[in-house]
Amino acid sequence: MTPPPSLKRSMSGESQSSYGSAATTVSRASSRLLFGEIPLTPATTVSGRSTRANSPICNLVLSTSSSFLRFWLNDDCRDNLLAHMEKEDLPKCRLVCHDFANRAAPFLFESLTVTFKPSSFSKPARIEALNKIGQHVKTFTFHMPHAQDALLPPIIDPVTGEEKQFIYEPQLQTLPNSSTPGVRTEKTPKYGTLEMTNLLISQYPPLFHAATNVPAFVSVFSELINLAHLKISCPGYDTNAPLHRRTAVDYALISLRIAVERAPMYSLHSLSLHPIHAGGLLYLHPMHGFGSTPSSAKRWSQIRRLSICMDSLPSSASPRARTQSLEHLRILHAYLRTLSSSLTRLFFRWKGNRGPSPLSLDKEPCMLPIEESSMHPSMRGTVRGPRPLRFPRLRKMELENAIMDSSQIAEFIHKHRRSLVQFSFEDVKLRQGNWDEALEPLTAIAGSDRWRKTQEEVMDVPIVLSPVRISGEPRIMGPLLEEVDQAIEDVGRPRTLSRWLGNGRSRATVLRKSPLVGVGAREKEGFWGGGDHVKRLLRFSSWK
């Protein structure tokens, strides 16, 4: 096989000789890199090979073609080309020469996804790779599902058979206790005592030990100096799991939070948790989590955009399920309260069954304190419910798949009327009241009720292609009349309504979408040529 071309331009003889000695080492190191990057040094594989055969490729940027130079040296033209280039073509482009490699690297490594495994953050080759490309990463996705190897069994004493209690304290460093030269000291046990460390090494899976390796997390995130958007994905959570039984995912979230707080990520402004379990918010909480310090909240105060897709609460009516749901709601309320002062955009969705509105948990019946008549006399006047949330900088808000009262929506709109410019309630069901009462503050904000007359509703009318062809032409089948009648009757119901408050406009728009029945993604794209649907526009003078 022909060796890959050299990546260097025309250099002096002194530069070529200095790179020649390390050529073989660089080539071997590049074969172990895990992110698809290439070393910045020449990747020659044969010592002393002549660069005459590679000169046409290496001199491409130094071409005398004025047209090409004007195009490539123009930042807008070059960046526009690289932005529209396919991801699989960018690595090939980087093999042309050093200038191509440097220009294409920010587009190739702008987004990075890591599925956490025992060796994800411990391989030296991975850290070496991040040292080269970490500055280009703008979006980092940490994916760790609740798999079978993430489950942690009880710790059993092999001698007595009793269950051992494990109190976790993150170890931020693995240095010896004493730094005095000439004094031989032993390292501090990773899990507190030597006995507990031996038990965990023998009984817990390798994924747990990798998740508790805090220094490895810190070293990885310290390379992402320009990170702007952090995504955390922990799917597969079992809502029927024991309330206080941790998994390896929880320990990984603790290490991730500590690493984010200690890494120099001054450009971080967006956080997405898709999906996350309520217990995960406890370990991501900067003040209540393990290893927290008084300055832990400083890094999280940079977050301006927060997006959460949370697993729904247990639907069972058992006392254990109610206790677990109440505990999860308290964790959610405390987490939102910590980030509320800096948020400008907020998206929240319950995954699965509908859940209460996280924006007004202080009004939820389950969160209200018990009546003072049933309290002990010494506790009266001291037990209070959660304090209401306030987002002083919030401009855009979206809430999906929730159940709440119209009074909660009205109060939220009125409280944030000076900062909120757009809000959406998608697939929100009202327990009490109607949408007229929920959006009544819009009349006070606009000064009139003209926004009621300008509302409009859009509904998708399903039309599918029949698999039977007549005279060689496709036959179009419309929906059944009863389906259309039912869809029209559903118009105006508050089940799947969205509300938008226009910026500086005294109107509200209501958008309702009904799913296409029996039409797959390929059929829609093939027939409609790009995804545009036939829509029926229904206008009403008032809501029914």
Protein backbone atom coordinates (compact mmCIF):
# COMPACT_ATOMS: atom_id res chain seq x y z
CA MET A 1 0.00 0.00 0.00
CA THR A 2 1.26 3.47 -0.80
CA PRO A 3 2.09 5.41 2.38
CA PRO A 4 0.02 8.52 3.10
CA PRO A 5 1.34 11.82 1.73
CA SER A 6 3.35 14.11 3.91
CA LEU A 7 1.36 16.85 5.61
CA LYS A 8 4.07 19.49 5.63
CA ARG A 9 4.64 22.30 3.20
CA SER A 10 7.96 23.19 1.60
CA MET A 11 10.37 23.64 4.49
CA SER A 12 14.04 24.25 4.92
CA GLY A 13 16.43 21.34 5.21
CA GLU A 14 16.89 22.02 8.91
CA SER A 15 13.15 21.73 9.58
CA GLN A 16 12.88 18.53 7.56
CA SER A 17 15.70 16.88 9.45
CA SER A 18 14.21 17.85 12.82
CA TYR A 19 10.90 16.25 11.96
CA GLY A 20 12.42 13.17 10.36
CA SER A 21 13.61 11.60 13.59
CA ALA A 22 10.12 11.61 15.11
CA ALA A 23 8.25 10.55 11.98
CA THR A 24 7.87 6.88 12.87
CA THR A 25 6.76 7.68 16.44
CA VAL A 26 4.14 10.13 15.23
CA SER A 27 2.75 7.63 12.72
CA ARG A 28 2.41 4.95 15.37
CA ALA A 29 0.78 7.40 17.78
CA SER A 30 -1.71 8.55 15.14
CA SER A 31 -2.94 4.98 14.66
CA ARG A 32 -4.06 4.93 18.29
CA LEU A 33 -5.94 8.21 18.27
CA LEU A 34 -9.62 7.74 18.96
CA PHE A 35 -11.34 10.92 17.76
CA GLY A 36 -10.31 10.87 14.08
CA GLU A 37 -7.76 13.65 14.45
CA ILE A 38 -4.34 13.77 12.79
CA PRO A 39 -1.12 14.98 14.41
CA LEU A 40 0.09 18.45 13.60
CA THR A 41 3.60 17.10 12.89
CA PRO A 42 4.46 15.35 9.60
CA ALA A 43 2.98 11.85 9.44
CA THR A 44 5.63 10.21 7.34
CA THR A 45 6.12 6.52 7.91
CA VAL A 46 9.44 5.86 6.12
CA SER A 47 12.52 7.60 7.46
CA GLY A 48 14.41 9.64 4.92
CA ARG A 49 11.73 9.41 2.23
CA SER A 50 11.92 12.09 -0.44
CA THR A 51 9.12 14.65 -0.44
CA ARG A 52 9.42 15.23 -4.19
CA ALA A 53 6.43 12.96 -4.92
CA ASN A 54 4.28 14.85 -2.43
CA SER A 55 5.22 18.33 -3.56
CA PRO A 56 2.17 18.81 -5.85
CA ILE A 57 -0.16 18.12 -2.90
CA CYS A 58 1.81 20.08 -0.33
CA ASN A 59 2.20 23.08 -2.65
CA LEU A 60 -1.56 23.27 -3.34
CA VAL A 61 -2.06 26.20 -0.97
CA LEU A 62 1.09 27.80 -2.32
CA SER A 63 -0.30 27.54 -5.83
CA THR A 64 0.29 30.42 -8.22
CA SER A 65 -3.37 30.32 -9.30
CA SER A 66 -4.70 33.71 -8.32
CA SER A 67 -8.34 32.54 -8.53
CA PHE A 68 -7.79 29.72 -6.08
CA LEU A 69 -5.78 31.88 -3.71
CA ARG A 70 -8.45 34.59 -3.69
CA PHE A 71 -11.07 31.96 -2.85
CA TRP A 72 -9.12 30.05 -0.22
CA LEU A 73 -7.65 33.07 1.54
CA ASN A 74 -11.04 34.72 1.84
CA ASP A 75 -12.38 33.78 5.28
CA ASP A 76 -16.03 33.93 4.31
CA CYS A 77 -15.66 31.82 1.16
CA ARG A 78 -13.42 29.23 2.77
CA ASP A 79 -15.52 28.87 5.93
CA ASN A 80 -18.72 28.65 3.90
CA LEU A 81 -17.23 25.82 1.84
CA LEU A 82 -16.03 23.89 4.90
CA ALA A 83 -19.33 24.40 6.70
CA HIS A 84 -21.27 22.76 3.85
CA MET A 85 -18.80 19.92 3.38
CA GLU A 86 -19.88 16.44 4.48
CA LYS A 87 -18.43 15.19 7.75
CA GLU A 88 -16.88 12.14 6.10
CA ASP A 89 -15.10 14.37 3.56
CA LEU A 90 -13.48 16.68 6.12
CA PRO A 91 -10.87 14.12 7.29
CA LYS A 92 -9.85 13.55 3.66
CA CYS A 93 -9.57 17.28 3.15
CA ARG A 94 -7.28 17.56 6.15
CA LEU A 95 -4.84 15.09 4.57
CA VAL A 96 -3.97 17.54 1.79
CA CYS A 97 -1.62 19.80 3.71
CA HIS A 98 -1.15 21.54 7.03
CA ASP A 99 -3.17 24.57 6.07
CA PHE A 100 -6.12 22.44 5.01
CA ALA A 101 -5.81 20.45 8.23
CA ASN A 102 -5.83 23.54 10.40
CA ARG A 103 -8.72 25.19 8.55
CA ALA A 104 -10.96 22.11 8.54
CA ALA A 105 -10.31 21.06 12.15
CA PRO A 106 -12.75 23.54 13.77
CA PHE A 107 -15.60 22.24 11.57
CA LEU A 108 -14.75 18.56 11.98
CA PHE A 109 -14.42 18.63 15.77
CA GLU A 110 -17.05 21.24 16.56
CA SER A 111 -19.33 18.56 18.02
CA LEU A 112 -18.05 15.59 20.02
CA THR A 113 -19.98 12.66 21.53
CA VAL A 114 -18.58 10.21 24.06
CA THR A 115 -20.39 7.09 25.25
CA PHE A 116 -18.84 6.53 28.65
CA LYS A 117 -17.07 3.21 29.15
CA PRO A 118 -14.41 2.01 31.61
CA SER A 119 -11.60 3.14 29.30
CA SER A 120 -13.17 6.33 27.93
CA PHE A 121 -11.21 8.83 30.03
CA SER A 122 -8.26 6.71 31.11
CA LYS A 123 -6.42 6.03 27.83
CA PRO A 124 -3.37 8.30 27.35
CA ALA A 125 -4.01 8.36 23.59
CA ARG A 126 -7.45 9.90 24.18
CA ILE A 127 -6.04 12.64 26.39
CA GLU A 128 -3.33 13.27 23.81
CA ALA A 129 -6.00 13.55 21.12
CA LEU A 130 -8.08 15.98 23.17
CA ASN A 131 -4.96 18.07 23.69
CA LYS A 132 -4.90 18.62 19.92
CA ILE A 133 -8.59 19.03 19.13
CA GLY A 134 -10.14 20.10 22.46
CA GLN A 135 -9.91 23.78 21.61
CA HIS A 136 -12.25 23.25 18.64
CA VAL A 137 -15.03 21.46 20.53
CA LYS A 138 -18.08 23.67 21.02
CA THR A 139 -20.69 20.97 21.80
CA PHE A 140 -19.85 17.98 23.97
CA THR A 141 -22.33 15.13 24.51
CA PHE A 142 -21.81 12.82 27.48
CA HIS A 143 -23.86 9.68 26.86
CA MET A 144 -24.17 7.06 29.59
CA PRO A 145 -27.23 4.79 29.57
CA HIS A 146 -28.54 2.87 32.57
CA ALA A 147 -27.31 -0.47 31.29
CA GLN A 148 -26.91 -3.72 33.17
CA ASP A 149 -23.25 -3.06 33.97
CA ALA A 150 -24.21 0.25 35.61
CA LEU A 151 -26.24 -1.45 38.35
CA LEU A 152 -24.47 -1.70 41.70
CA PRO A 153 -25.31 -4.54 44.10
CA PRO A 154 -25.16 -4.19 47.89
CA ILE A 155 -21.71 -4.44 49.43
CA ILE A 156 -21.47 -7.72 51.36
CA ASP A 157 -18.82 -8.55 53.94
CA PRO A 158 -17.36 -11.89 52.77
CA VAL A 159 -16.71 -13.00 56.35
CA THR A 160 -19.90 -12.10 58.21
CA GLY A 161 -22.28 -11.80 55.26
CA GLU A 162 -23.57 -8.45 56.51
CA GLU A 163 -24.28 -5.51 54.22
CA LYS A 164 -21.70 -2.74 54.45
CA GLN A 165 -22.61 0.95 54.33
CA PHE A 166 -20.60 2.98 51.86
CA ILE A 167 -20.23 6.73 52.34
CA TYR A 168 -18.76 8.20 49.19
CA GLU A 169 -16.28 11.07 49.29
CA PRO A 170 -14.81 12.07 45.90
CA GLN A 171 -11.03 11.96 45.75
CA LEU A 172 -9.85 14.97 43.80
CA GLN A 173 -6.22 13.90 43.72
CA THR A 174 -4.23 10.69 43.88
CA LEU A 175 -1.04 12.16 45.31
CA PRO A 176 0.64 10.83 48.45
CA ASN A 177 -0.27 12.35 51.80
CA SER A 178 3.16 13.80 52.38
CA SER A 179 5.21 15.74 49.86
CA THR A 180 8.38 15.77 51.97
CA PRO A 181 11.29 14.57 49.84
CA GLY A 182 12.91 11.39 50.97
CA VAL A 183 9.88 10.28 53.00
CA ARG A 184 8.09 7.22 51.67
CA THR A 185 4.34 7.42 52.13
CA GLU A 186 1.42 5.37 50.90
CA LYS A 187 -1.42 6.72 48.82
CA THR A 188 -4.73 7.46 50.50
CA PRO A 189 -7.26 4.70 49.82
CA LYS A 190 -9.62 5.79 47.07
CA TYR A 191 -12.78 4.87 48.97
CA GLY A 192 -11.92 6.00 52.49
CA THR A 193 -10.46 2.88 54.09
CA LEU A 194 -8.35 0.07 52.74
CA GLU A 195 -10.99 -2.50 53.70
CA MET A 196 -13.78 -0.71 51.82
CA THR A 197 -11.49 -0.15 48.82
CA ASN A 198 -10.73 -3.86 48.59
CA LEU A 199 -14.42 -4.75 48.88
CA LEU A 200 -15.43 -2.34 46.10
CA ILE A 201 -12.62 -3.51 43.82
CA SER A 202 -13.70 -7.12 44.20
CA GLN A 203 -17.49 -6.64 44.09
CA TYR A 204 -18.18 -3.59 41.88
CA PRO A 205 -17.80 -3.55 38.05
CA PRO A 206 -15.00 -1.62 36.30
CA LEU A 207 -17.53 0.99 35.12
CA PHE A 208 -18.01 2.14 38.71
CA HIS A 209 -14.28 2.67 39.26
CA ALA A 210 -14.02 4.61 36.01
CA ALA A 211 -17.01 6.76 37.03
CA THR A 212 -15.35 7.68 40.35
CA ASN A 213 -12.04 8.63 38.73
CA VAL A 214 -12.49 12.35 39.29
CA PRO A 215 -8.94 13.37 38.18
CA ALA A 216 -9.55 11.72 34.79
CA PHE A 217 -12.77 13.72 34.32
CA VAL A 218 -10.98 16.93 35.28
CA SER A 219 -8.15 16.30 32.81
CA VAL A 220 -10.61 15.65 29.97
CA PHE A 221 -12.81 18.69 30.57
CA SER A 222 -9.77 20.90 31.08
CA GLU A 223 -9.01 20.40 27.38
CA LEU A 224 -12.44 21.72 26.32
CA ILE A 225 -11.57 25.34 26.91
CA ASN A 226 -14.01 26.71 24.30
CA LEU A 227 -16.97 24.48 25.17
CA ALA A 228 -20.27 26.36 24.82
CA HIS A 229 -22.93 23.62 25.02
CA LEU A 230 -22.82 20.61 27.33
CA LYS A 231 -25.25 17.75 26.66
CA ILE A 232 -25.85 14.96 29.16
CA SER A 233 -27.86 11.90 28.13
CA CYS A 234 -28.71 9.15 30.65
CA PRO A 235 -31.51 7.05 29.10
CA GLY A 236 -32.96 3.80 30.39
CA TYR A 237 -33.75 4.82 33.96
CA ASP A 238 -36.01 2.40 35.85
CA THR A 239 -38.66 4.30 37.80
CA ASN A 240 -39.29 1.23 39.95
CA ALA A 241 -35.70 1.11 41.19
CA PRO A 242 -35.06 1.67 44.92
CA LEU A 243 -35.15 5.32 45.87
CA HIS A 244 -31.70 5.65 47.41
CA ARG A 245 -29.88 2.94 45.43
CA ARG A 246 -27.20 4.61 43.32
CA THR A 247 -25.87 3.36 40.00
CA ALA A 248 -22.60 3.96 38.19
CA VAL A 249 -24.39 6.69 36.23
CA ASP A 250 -24.92 8.70 39.41
CA TYR A 251 -21.24 8.51 40.35
CA ALA A 252 -20.27 9.56 36.83
CA LEU A 253 -22.53 12.62 37.12
CA ILE A 254 -20.80 13.56 40.37
CA SER A 255 -17.39 13.37 38.70
CA LEU A 256 -18.67 15.30 35.68
CA ARG A 257 -20.05 18.10 37.83
CA ILE A 258 -16.80 18.43 39.77
CA ALA A 259 -14.82 18.49 36.51
CA VAL A 260 -17.01 21.22 35.02
CA GLU A 261 -16.62 23.35 38.14
CA ARG A 262 -12.81 23.05 38.09
CA ALA A 263 -12.11 23.21 34.35
CA PRO A 264 -11.48 26.60 32.68
CA MET A 265 -14.68 26.56 30.60
CA TYR A 266 -15.52 30.25 30.55
CA SER A 267 -17.57 30.04 27.32
CA LEU A 268 -20.11 27.53 28.65
CA HIS A 269 -23.64 28.96 28.37
CA SER A 270 -25.98 26.08 27.38
CA LEU A 271 -26.91 22.88 29.19
CA SER A 272 -29.11 20.07 27.85
CA LEU A 273 -30.24 17.08 29.91
CA HIS A 274 -31.91 14.70 27.42
CA PRO A 275 -33.01 12.59 29.18
CA ILE A 276 -32.21 12.78 32.88
CA HIS A 277 -33.70 11.23 35.99
CA ALA A 278 -34.58 13.27 39.05
CA GLY A 279 -31.80 11.67 41.06
CA GLY A 280 -29.35 12.87 38.42
CA LEU A 281 -30.31 16.47 39.18
CA LEU A 282 -29.35 15.85 42.80
CA TYR A 283 -25.83 14.84 41.78
CA LEU A 284 -25.59 17.75 39.34
CA HIS A 285 -26.68 20.26 41.97
CA PRO A 286 -23.70 22.55 42.64
CA MET A 287 -24.54 23.15 46.30
CA HIS A 288 -26.12 19.91 47.50
CA GLY A 289 -23.94 17.43 45.61
CA PHE A 290 -20.91 15.48 46.74
CA GLY A 291 -17.65 17.40 46.64
CA SER A 292 -19.36 20.79 46.49
CA THR A 293 -17.52 23.92 47.55
CA PRO A 294 -18.74 27.49 48.21
CA SER A 295 -17.55 28.45 44.71
CA SER A 296 -19.23 25.52 42.93
CA ALA A 297 -22.21 27.60 41.80
CA LYS A 298 -20.00 30.12 40.00
CA ARG A 299 -19.52 27.94 36.92
CA TRP A 300 -23.21 27.04 36.67
CA SER A 301 -24.22 30.68 36.90
CA GLN A 302 -22.93 31.00 33.32
CA ILE A 303 -25.80 28.85 32.02
CA ARG A 304 -28.21 30.96 29.96
CA ARG A 305 -30.06 28.19 28.10
CA LEU A 306 -31.38 25.17 29.94
CA SER A 307 -33.19 22.23 28.30
CA ILE A 308 -34.46 19.31 30.39
CA CYS A 309 -36.28 16.15 29.32
CA MET A 310 -37.00 14.30 32.55
CA ASP A 311 -38.29 10.79 33.07
CA SER A 312 -41.84 10.83 34.36
CA LEU A 313 -42.63 10.18 38.00
CA PRO A 314 -43.87 6.78 39.24
CA SER A 315 -47.56 6.41 38.44
CA SER A 316 -48.31 3.92 41.22
CA ALA A 317 -50.55 5.01 44.10
CA SER A 318 -48.54 3.16 46.73
CA PRO A 319 -47.07 5.13 49.65
CA ARG A 320 -43.56 4.31 48.42
CA ALA A 321 -44.30 5.74 44.96
CA ARG A 322 -45.84 8.89 46.43
CA THR A 323 -42.82 9.40 48.67
CA GLN A 324 -40.47 8.91 45.74
CA SER A 325 -42.43 11.34 43.54
CA LEU A 326 -42.43 13.99 46.26
CA GLU A 327 -38.69 13.58 46.75
CA HIS A 328 -38.08 13.92 43.00
CA LEU A 329 -40.17 17.09 42.79
CA ARG A 330 -38.22 18.64 45.63
CA ILE A 331 -34.95 17.85 43.88
CA LEU A 332 -36.24 19.36 40.63
CA HIS A 333 -37.46 22.50 42.39
CA ALA A 334 -34.13 23.00 44.17
CA TYR A 335 -32.16 22.54 40.95
CA LEU A 336 -34.25 25.03 38.94
CA ARG A 337 -34.06 27.50 41.77
CA THR A 338 -30.25 27.38 41.69
CA LEU A 339 -30.09 28.27 37.97
CA SER A 340 -33.16 30.51 37.79
CA SER A 341 -31.38 33.84 38.23
CA SER A 342 -29.33 33.56 35.01
CA LEU A 343 -31.61 31.69 32.58
CA THR A 344 -32.88 33.41 29.45
CA ARG A 345 -34.31 30.31 27.72
CA LEU A 346 -35.92 27.32 29.38
CA PHE A 347 -37.33 24.13 27.88
CA PHE A 348 -38.85 21.35 29.97
CA ARG A 349 -40.62 18.18 28.96
CA TRP A 350 -41.82 15.16 30.90
CA LYS A 351 -40.81 11.91 29.18
CA GLY A 352 -43.67 9.42 29.44
CA ASN A 353 -46.69 10.30 31.54
CA ARG A 354 -47.68 13.89 32.20
CA GLY A 355 -46.20 15.52 35.24
CA PRO A 356 -46.80 18.72 37.22
CA SER A 357 -45.47 22.03 36.03
CA PRO A 358 -41.91 22.50 37.36
CA LEU A 359 -42.37 26.27 37.09
CA SER A 360 -45.01 26.43 39.81
CA LEU A 361 -44.38 23.54 42.16
CA ASP A 362 -45.16 25.82 45.09
CA LYS A 363 -48.81 25.63 43.95
CA GLU A 364 -48.97 21.85 43.60
CA PRO A 365 -51.21 20.20 46.22
CA CYS A 366 -48.63 17.51 46.98
CA MET A 367 -45.98 20.12 47.74
CA LEU A 368 -48.08 22.27 50.05
CA PRO A 369 -47.47 21.88 53.80
CA ILE A 370 -49.96 19.99 55.89
CA GLU A 371 -52.53 21.93 57.84
CA GLU A 372 -51.35 23.42 61.08
CA SER A 373 -54.22 21.79 62.95
CA SER A 374 -52.63 18.39 62.39
CA MET A 375 -49.11 19.53 63.27
CA HIS A 376 -47.36 19.23 66.57
CA PRO A 377 -47.60 22.51 68.52
CA SER A 378 -43.83 22.95 68.40
CA MET A 379 -43.83 22.79 64.56
CA ARG A 380 -46.65 25.23 63.85
CA GLY A 381 -45.52 28.25 61.87
CA THR A 382 -42.15 26.69 60.99
CA VAL A 383 -43.07 24.16 58.28
CA ARG A 384 -43.52 25.85 54.92
CA GLY A 385 -43.88 24.77 51.33
CA PRO A 386 -41.31 25.48 48.58
CA ARG A 387 -40.61 29.08 47.73
CA PRO A 388 -41.98 30.17 44.32
CA LEU A 389 -39.57 30.26 41.41
CA ARG A 390 -38.71 33.52 39.72
CA PHE A 391 -36.75 33.87 36.48
CA PRO A 392 -35.79 37.56 36.25
CA ARG A 393 -34.06 37.22 32.84
CA LEU A 394 -36.27 34.62 31.19
CA ARG A 395 -37.29 35.56 27.64
CA LYS A 396 -38.39 32.28 26.07
CA MET A 397 -40.07 29.35 27.80
CA GLU A 398 -41.44 26.02 26.54
CA LEU A 399 -43.31 23.46 28.62
CA GLU A 400 -44.50 20.13 27.18
CA ASN A 401 -46.48 17.14 28.36
CA ALA A 402 -47.61 18.59 31.69
CA ILE A 403 -50.78 18.97 33.72
CA MET A 404 -51.56 22.14 35.67
CA ASP A 405 -54.24 24.70 36.55
CA SER A 406 -55.13 27.77 34.55
CA SER A 407 -54.32 29.91 37.60
CA GLN A 408 -50.72 28.64 37.54
CA ILE A 409 -50.28 29.70 33.92
CA ALA A 410 -51.87 33.09 34.52
CA GLU A 411 -49.68 33.75 37.53
CA PHE A 412 -46.52 32.74 35.67
CA ILE A 413 -47.31 35.03 32.72
CA HIS A 414 -48.15 37.95 34.99
CA LYS A 415 -45.05 37.46 37.14
CA HIS A 416 -42.69 37.43 34.14
CA ARG A 417 -44.51 39.94 31.94
CA ARG A 418 -41.57 42.39 31.94
CA SER A 419 -39.00 39.92 30.59
CA LEU A 420 -40.93 37.14 28.81
CA VAL A 421 -41.36 37.64 25.06
CA GLN A 422 -42.30 34.11 23.96
CA PHE A 423 -43.87 31.17 25.75
CA SER A 424 -45.29 27.84 24.65
CA PHE A 425 -47.50 25.26 26.37
CA GLU A 426 -47.48 22.16 24.17
CA ASP A 427 -49.58 19.13 25.08
CA VAL A 428 -50.53 20.71 28.41
CA LYS A 429 -53.74 19.57 30.06
CA LEU A 430 -55.66 21.80 32.45
CA ARG A 431 -56.96 20.32 35.68
CA GLN A 432 -59.01 23.37 36.57
CA GLY A 433 -60.14 26.36 34.55
CA ASN A 434 -59.84 26.97 30.82
CA TRP A 435 -57.42 28.63 28.45
CA ASP A 436 -59.35 31.90 28.49
CA GLU A 437 -58.60 32.21 32.18
CA ALA A 438 -55.02 31.01 31.73
CA LEU A 439 -54.22 33.71 29.15
CA GLU A 440 -56.23 36.48 30.78
CA PRO A 441 -53.02 38.39 31.73
CA LEU A 442 -52.47 39.00 28.02
CA THR A 443 -55.41 41.41 28.09
CA ALA A 444 -53.76 43.44 30.83
CA ILE A 445 -50.40 43.37 29.04
CA ALA A 446 -51.84 44.35 25.63
CA GLY A 447 -54.35 46.82 27.07
CA SER A 448 -57.25 45.22 25.18
CA ASP A 449 -58.61 41.85 24.13
CA ARG A 450 -57.90 42.26 20.42
CA TRP A 451 -55.51 39.32 20.60
CA ARG A 452 -58.54 37.03 20.99
CA LYS A 453 -59.82 37.96 17.52
CA THR A 454 -56.50 37.37 15.78
CA GLN A 455 -55.90 33.87 17.08
CA GLU A 456 -55.64 31.13 14.51
CA GLU A 457 -55.30 27.39 14.59
CA VAL A 458 -53.50 25.17 12.11
CA MET A 459 -54.33 21.48 11.75
CA ASP A 460 -52.67 18.84 9.59
CA VAL A 461 -55.19 17.01 7.40
CA PRO A 462 -53.80 13.52 6.68
CA ILE A 463 -53.69 12.48 3.02
CA VAL A 464 -52.01 9.21 2.11
CA LEU A 465 -51.12 7.52 -1.15
CA SER A 466 -53.05 4.37 -1.92
CA PRO A 467 -50.83 1.35 -2.66
CA VAL A 468 -53.24 0.49 -5.52
CA ARG A 469 -52.58 2.21 -8.82
CA ILE A 470 -55.40 2.95 -11.28
CA SER A 471 -54.41 3.28 -14.95
CA GLY A 472 -50.79 3.71 -13.99
CA GLU A 473 -51.45 6.76 -11.82
CA PRO A 474 -51.29 6.93 -8.01
CA ARG A 475 -54.67 7.27 -6.33
CA ILE A 476 -54.98 9.70 -3.41
CA MET A 477 -57.03 8.56 -0.45
CA GLY A 478 -58.38 11.11 1.95
CA PRO A 479 -59.13 10.42 5.60
CA LEU A 480 -62.40 8.92 6.63
CA LEU A 481 -65.16 11.42 7.19
CA GLU A 482 -65.55 10.43 10.78
CA GLU A 483 -61.85 11.02 11.37
CA VAL A 484 -62.09 14.50 9.87
CA ASP A 485 -65.19 15.29 11.93
CA GLN A 486 -63.48 14.08 15.07
CA ALA A 487 -60.39 16.15 14.29
CA ILE A 488 -62.51 19.25 13.75
CA GLU A 489 -64.41 18.63 16.98
CA ASP A 490 -61.10 18.40 18.82
CA VAL A 491 -60.19 21.90 17.66
CA GLY A 492 -60.23 24.28 20.58
CA ARG A 493 -59.70 21.62 23.19
CA PRO A 494 -56.85 22.55 25.54
CA ARG A 495 -55.17 19.19 25.21
CA THR A 496 -52.44 19.93 22.71
CA LEU A 497 -52.41 23.70 22.51
CA SER A 498 -49.38 25.92 22.13
CA ARG A 499 -49.30 29.54 23.13
CA TRP A 500 -46.97 32.18 21.85
CA LEU A 501 -46.75 35.72 23.08
CA GLY A 502 -45.48 37.86 20.22
CA ASN A 503 -42.62 40.26 20.77
CA GLY A 504 -44.24 43.66 21.15
CA ARG A 505 -47.53 42.52 19.61
CA SER A 506 -50.89 42.41 21.30
CA ARG A 507 -51.92 39.00 20.01
CA ALA A 508 -51.67 35.32 20.85
CA THR A 509 -51.35 32.51 18.35
CA VAL A 510 -52.67 29.02 18.99
CA LEU A 511 -51.16 26.18 16.99
CA ARG A 512 -52.48 22.66 17.13
CA LYS A 513 -51.01 19.80 15.15
CA SER A 514 -52.63 16.43 14.70
CA PRO A 515 -50.34 13.52 13.70
CA LEU A 516 -50.53 12.10 10.23
CA VAL A 517 -52.37 8.79 10.34
CA GLY A 518 -50.76 5.85 8.57
CA VAL A 519 -48.09 7.88 6.79
CA GLY A 520 -44.43 7.05 7.27
CA ALA A 521 -41.53 9.44 7.03
CA ARG A 522 -40.51 8.20 3.59
CA GLU A 523 -44.03 8.46 2.21
CA LYS A 524 -44.39 12.03 3.44
CA GLU A 525 -41.06 13.09 1.97
CA GLY A 526 -41.69 11.29 -1.31
CA PHE A 527 -45.15 12.69 -1.89
CA TRP A 528 -44.82 16.19 -0.49
CA GLY A 529 -41.29 16.75 -1.76
CA GLY A 530 -39.60 18.17 1.32
CA GLY A 531 -42.03 17.67 4.16
CA ASP A 532 -44.62 20.39 3.45
CA HIS A 533 -48.05 19.24 4.52
CA VAL A 534 -51.54 20.15 3.44
CA LYS A 535 -52.99 22.22 6.26
CA ARG A 536 -56.47 23.40 7.04
CA LEU A 537 -56.56 26.84 8.58
CA LEU A 538 -59.44 27.39 10.99
CA ARG A 539 -60.12 30.82 12.39
CA PHE A 540 -62.41 31.53 15.32
CA SER A 541 -63.63 34.74 16.81
CA SER A 542 -63.31 33.30 20.29
CA TRP A 543 -62.19 30.09 21.97
CA LYS A 544 -64.82 27.46 22.61
